[in-house]
Structure formats: structure tokens, C-alpha cells
Amino acid sequence: MDIFGPSLRLWRLLAQVLTIVGQKQVSLIAAGVAFFGMFAVFPASPQSSPFLGFWPILPSCPTSWR
């Protein structure tokens, strides 16, 4: 029984995955998702800032914040 059998199969699988990723340009798609995600985060941050005023009424906050 060959002790390198499972690791050799793992390396072959990794090589196949990297080949497919290179062909399908997954990194380019991920970069596009991250880029347009930034367009969603920055407009959402000022819209969510009014909720910051509700934090002191949470029961877990220190009493000095109330």
C-alpha cells in the first residue's frame, strides 16, 4: 500500500481546480463582486448611522453611556 496515495490524489485535485479556475477567470469575477460591493457599502453606511442613536438604550451597555 502506497502511503503517498491520498496526498497525491489531493495534489492532482488541486491542480485540476487551479486549471479550471484559470480557465473560468474566477478571480476576475471575484474582483468585480468586491468592486461593486464597495458601491453598496459606502452609500449604506450613512443610511445606517441614525441607528447609532439607539445603542445606549440596549441593556448590555454600561450605565455611563445612558
C-alpha atoms as a PDB file:
ATOM      1  CA  MET A   1       0.000   0.000   0.000  1.00  0.00           C
ATOM      2  CA  ASP A   2       1.364   3.393  -1.000  1.00  0.00           C
ATOM      3  CA  ILE A   3       1.359   5.987   1.777  1.00  0.00           C
ATOM      4  CA  PHE A   4       1.517   8.851  -0.736  1.00  0.00           C
ATOM      5  CA  GLY A   5      -1.710   7.822  -2.445  1.00  0.00           C
ATOM      6  CA  PRO A   6      -4.081  10.199  -0.632  1.00  0.00           C
ATOM      7  CA  SER A   7      -1.727  13.178  -0.822  1.00  0.00           C
ATOM      8  CA  LEU A   8      -1.003  12.524  -4.495  1.00  0.00           C
ATOM      9  CA  ARG A   9      -4.731  12.490  -5.193  1.00  0.00           C
ATOM     10  CA  LEU A  10      -5.078  15.739  -3.263  1.00  0.00           C
ATOM     11  CA  TRP A  11      -2.346  17.392  -5.334  1.00  0.00           C
ATOM     12  CA  ARG A  12      -3.948  16.180  -8.550  1.00  0.00           C
ATOM     13  CA  LEU A  13      -7.301  17.544  -7.419  1.00  0.00           C
ATOM     14  CA  LEU A  14      -5.689  20.873  -6.522  1.00  0.00           C
ATOM     15  CA  ALA A  15      -4.031  21.033  -9.946  1.00  0.00           C
ATOM     16  CA  GLN A  16      -7.354  20.354 -11.655  1.00  0.00           C
ATOM     17  CA  VAL A  17      -9.118  23.025  -9.586  1.00  0.00           C
ATOM     18  CA  LEU A  18      -6.427  25.599 -10.374  1.00  0.00           C
ATOM     19  CA  THR A  19      -6.684  24.748 -14.067  1.00  0.00           C
ATOM     20  CA  ILE A  20     -10.447  25.234 -14.026  1.00  0.00           C
ATOM     21  CA  VAL A  21     -10.156  28.457 -12.041  1.00  0.00           C
ATOM     22  CA  GLY A  22      -7.646  29.763 -14.547  1.00  0.00           C
ATOM     23  CA  GLN A  23      -9.920  28.898 -17.445  1.00  0.00           C
ATOM     24  CA  LYS A  24     -13.079  30.326 -15.930  1.00  0.00           C
ATOM     25  CA  GLN A  25     -11.395  33.506 -14.602  1.00  0.00           C
ATOM     26  CA  VAL A  26     -12.950  33.221 -11.176  1.00  0.00           C
ATOM     27  CA  SER A  27     -10.549  35.814  -9.767  1.00  0.00           C
ATOM     28  CA  LEU A  28     -11.825  38.384 -12.245  1.00  0.00           C
ATOM     29  CA  ILE A  29     -15.405  37.656 -11.199  1.00  0.00           C
ATOM     30  CA  ALA A  30     -14.464  37.902  -7.516  1.00  0.00           C
ATOM     31  CA  ALA A  31     -12.770  41.241  -8.120  1.00  0.00           C
ATOM     32  CA  GLY A  32     -15.898  42.539  -9.836  1.00  0.00           C
ATOM     33  CA  VAL A  33     -18.093  41.395  -6.962  1.00  0.00           C
ATOM     34  CA  ALA A  34     -15.800  43.107  -4.447  1.00  0.00           C
ATOM     35  CA  PHE A  35     -15.651  46.300  -6.514  1.00  0.00           C
ATOM     36  CA  PHE A  36     -19.406  46.626  -6.845  1.00  0.00           C
ATOM     37  CA  GLY A  37     -19.805  45.570  -3.212  1.00  0.00           C
ATOM     38  CA  MET A  38     -17.939  48.736  -2.261  1.00  0.00           C
ATOM     39  CA  PHE A  39     -20.510  50.724  -4.196  1.00  0.00           C
ATOM     40  CA  ALA A  40     -23.144  49.162  -1.958  1.00  0.00           C
ATOM     41  CA  VAL A  41     -21.257  49.584   1.352  1.00  0.00           C
ATOM     42  CA  PHE A  42     -20.419  53.276   1.170  1.00  0.00           C
ATOM     43  CA  PRO A  43     -23.961  54.528   0.438  1.00  0.00           C
ATOM     44  CA  ALA A  44     -25.351  52.177   3.087  1.00  0.00           C
ATOM     45  CA  SER A  45     -23.073  53.472   5.845  1.00  0.00           C
ATOM     46  CA  PRO A  46     -24.601  56.984   6.122  1.00  0.00           C
ATOM     47  CA  GLN A  47     -28.058  55.492   5.816  1.00  0.00           C
ATOM     48  CA  SER A  48     -27.443  53.248   8.825  1.00  0.00           C
ATOM     49  CA  SER A  49     -25.928  55.993  11.003  1.00  0.00           C
ATOM     50  CA  PRO A  50     -29.285  57.095  12.519  1.00  0.00           C
ATOM     51  CA  PHE A  51     -29.453  53.705  14.219  1.00  0.00           C
ATOM     52  CA  LEU A  52     -26.344  54.570  16.233  1.00  0.00           C
ATOM     53  CA  GLY A  53     -28.500  56.775  18.466  1.00  0.00           C
ATOM     54  CA  PHE A  54     -30.442  53.718  19.635  1.00  0.00           C
ATOM     55  CA  TRP A  55     -27.377  51.916  21.021  1.00  0.00           C
ATOM     56  CA  PRO A  56     -27.381  53.447  24.531  1.00  0.00           C
ATOM     57  CA  ILE A  57     -30.802  52.010  25.326  1.00  0.00           C
ATOM     58  CA  LEU A  58     -29.523  48.482  24.879  1.00  0.00           C
ATOM     59  CA  PRO A  59     -29.413  46.619  28.209  1.00  0.00           C
ATOM     60  CA  SER A  60     -25.851  45.373  27.679  1.00  0.00           C
ATOM     61  CA  CYS A  61     -24.273  48.848  27.507  1.00  0.00           C
ATOM     62  CA  PRO A  62     -22.557  50.439  30.502  1.00  0.00           C
ATOM     63  CA  THR A  63     -24.630  52.820  32.588  1.00  0.00           C
ATOM     64  CA  SER A  64     -22.203  55.675  31.884  1.00  0.00           C
ATOM     65  CA  TRP A  65     -23.399  55.663  28.277  1.00  0.00           C
ATOM     66  CA  ARG A  66     -27.039  56.252  29.206  1.00  0.00           C
END
